[in-house]
Amino acid sequence: MIGLILLYWIGKYYYQLAEAHGKSKWGFAMLGIVAYYVGAVVSGIVLGIVIELIAPGYFDTINDFLLSLMLLPFGIACTYLLYYYFKRSWEKQAPKISIEKSDTNEQTEVGL
């Protein structure tokens, strides 16, 4: 149940970010959730390899709940890094408003 709440909040933040920058809202909400799972799975594979190299056979005795708690920060970190990357890149691509003065009319024009 707690995992569903976490996925809701991840999707919500990505949805709001995409909405603020005019991108596909539901697509990026799903991408945020996928990023969480990819981060958890990749870190689980790396953690499993490291544990088996250090103590062969020990990985089979680890409790599944404990393993999921160990992988939770890695999934959240992957999600946050992707969120931060999108936020920075989209803010750099924001349309710039320039004010130009014409010599004859002395009026300002706002162009995108």
Protein backbone atom coordinates (compact mmCIF):
# COMPACT_ATOMS: atom_id res chain seq x y z
CA MET A 1 0.00 0.00 0.00
CA ILE A 2 2.82 2.38 0.81
CA GLY A 3 4.35 1.60 -2.58
CA LEU A 4 1.17 2.70 -4.35
CA ILE A 5 1.20 5.99 -2.46
CA LEU A 6 4.84 6.51 -3.47
CA LEU A 7 4.00 5.82 -7.12
CA TYR A 8 1.10 8.28 -6.91
CA TRP A 9 3.37 11.06 -5.65
CA ILE A 10 6.03 10.33 -8.25
CA GLY A 11 3.43 10.45 -11.02
CA LYS A 12 1.90 13.61 -9.59
CA TYR A 13 5.19 15.53 -9.55
CA TYR A 14 6.07 14.49 -13.09
CA TYR A 15 2.53 15.34 -14.24
CA GLN A 16 2.79 18.84 -12.76
CA LEU A 17 6.24 19.40 -14.25
CA ALA A 18 5.08 18.36 -17.72
CA GLU A 19 1.95 20.49 -17.40
CA ALA A 20 3.97 23.56 -16.44
CA HIS A 21 6.18 23.20 -19.51
CA GLY A 22 3.53 22.16 -22.03
CA LYS A 23 4.67 18.56 -22.45
CA SER A 24 2.70 15.29 -22.48
CA LYS A 25 1.35 15.08 -18.93
CA TRP A 26 0.41 11.42 -18.69
CA GLY A 27 3.42 10.27 -20.68
CA PHE A 28 5.85 11.90 -18.31
CA ALA A 29 3.89 10.75 -15.25
CA MET A 30 4.31 7.18 -16.48
CA LEU A 31 7.96 7.84 -17.30
CA GLY A 32 8.55 8.89 -13.69
CA ILE A 33 7.08 5.64 -12.42
CA VAL A 34 9.14 3.63 -14.91
CA ALA A 35 12.26 5.52 -13.79
CA TYR A 36 11.59 4.43 -10.20
CA TYR A 37 11.33 0.77 -11.18
CA VAL A 38 14.37 0.92 -13.48
CA GLY A 39 16.45 2.46 -10.69
CA ALA A 40 15.32 -0.19 -8.23
CA VAL A 41 15.90 -3.10 -10.63
CA VAL A 42 19.33 -1.95 -11.81
CA SER A 43 20.49 -1.27 -8.26
CA GLY A 44 19.09 -4.66 -7.20
CA ILE A 45 21.11 -6.41 -9.87
CA VAL A 46 24.27 -4.54 -8.89
CA LEU A 47 23.63 -5.18 -5.19
CA GLY A 48 23.02 -8.87 -5.86
CA ILE A 49 26.27 -9.21 -7.78
CA VAL A 50 28.24 -7.40 -5.08
CA ILE A 51 26.73 -9.49 -2.28
CA GLU A 52 27.41 -12.73 -4.16
CA LEU A 53 31.01 -11.70 -4.77
CA ILE A 54 31.57 -10.84 -1.11
CA ALA A 55 29.61 -13.68 0.50
CA PRO A 56 28.56 -16.43 -1.94
CA GLY A 57 25.13 -17.87 -1.19
CA TYR A 58 24.12 -15.12 1.22
CA PHE A 59 21.79 -13.37 -1.22
CA ASP A 60 19.36 -16.30 -1.13
CA THR A 61 18.80 -15.82 2.60
CA ILE A 62 17.93 -12.10 2.45
CA ASN A 63 14.33 -11.32 3.35
CA ASP A 64 12.33 -9.90 0.40
CA PHE A 65 10.93 -7.06 2.51
CA LEU A 66 14.43 -6.09 3.64
CA LEU A 67 15.66 -6.17 0.06
CA SER A 68 12.82 -3.91 -1.08
CA LEU A 69 13.64 -1.47 1.72
CA MET A 70 17.29 -1.50 0.65
CA LEU A 71 16.35 -0.72 -2.96
CA LEU A 72 13.82 2.02 -2.14
CA PRO A 73 16.39 4.86 -1.86
CA PHE A 74 17.98 3.90 -5.18
CA GLY A 75 14.65 4.03 -6.99
CA ILE A 76 13.80 7.38 -5.43
CA ALA A 77 17.24 8.74 -6.30
CA CYS A 78 16.88 7.67 -9.94
CA THR A 79 13.45 9.29 -10.11
CA TYR A 80 14.72 12.52 -8.56
CA LEU A 81 17.72 12.72 -10.88
CA LEU A 82 15.53 12.31 -13.96
CA TYR A 83 13.07 14.91 -12.59
CA TYR A 84 15.90 17.36 -11.95
CA TYR A 85 17.31 16.75 -15.44
CA PHE A 86 13.95 17.42 -17.11
CA LYS A 87 13.34 20.50 -15.00
CA ARG A 88 16.72 22.03 -15.82
CA SER A 89 16.58 21.24 -19.54
CA TRP A 90 13.02 22.50 -19.95
CA GLU A 91 13.75 25.73 -18.09
CA LYS A 92 16.65 26.39 -20.45
CA GLN A 93 14.38 25.85 -23.45
CA ALA A 94 11.72 28.26 -22.21
CA PRO A 95 10.62 30.78 -24.83
CA LYS A 96 12.32 34.12 -24.38
CA ILE A 97 10.33 37.31 -24.71
CA SER A 98 12.16 40.13 -26.41
CA ILE A 99 11.05 43.74 -26.52
CA GLU A 100 11.89 45.53 -29.72
CA LYS A 101 11.42 49.22 -30.43
CA SER A 102 10.72 50.42 -33.90
CA ASP A 103 12.31 53.68 -34.94
CA THR A 104 9.23 55.16 -36.54
CA ASN A 105 6.39 54.35 -34.13
CA GLU A 106 8.16 54.33 -30.77
CA GLN A 107 5.93 51.42 -29.77
CA THR A 108 7.15 48.30 -28.11
CA GLU A 109 6.43 44.94 -29.62
CA VAL A 110 6.46 41.75 -27.70
CA GLY A 111 7.46 38.76 -29.77
CA LEU A 112 7.93 35.14 -28.84
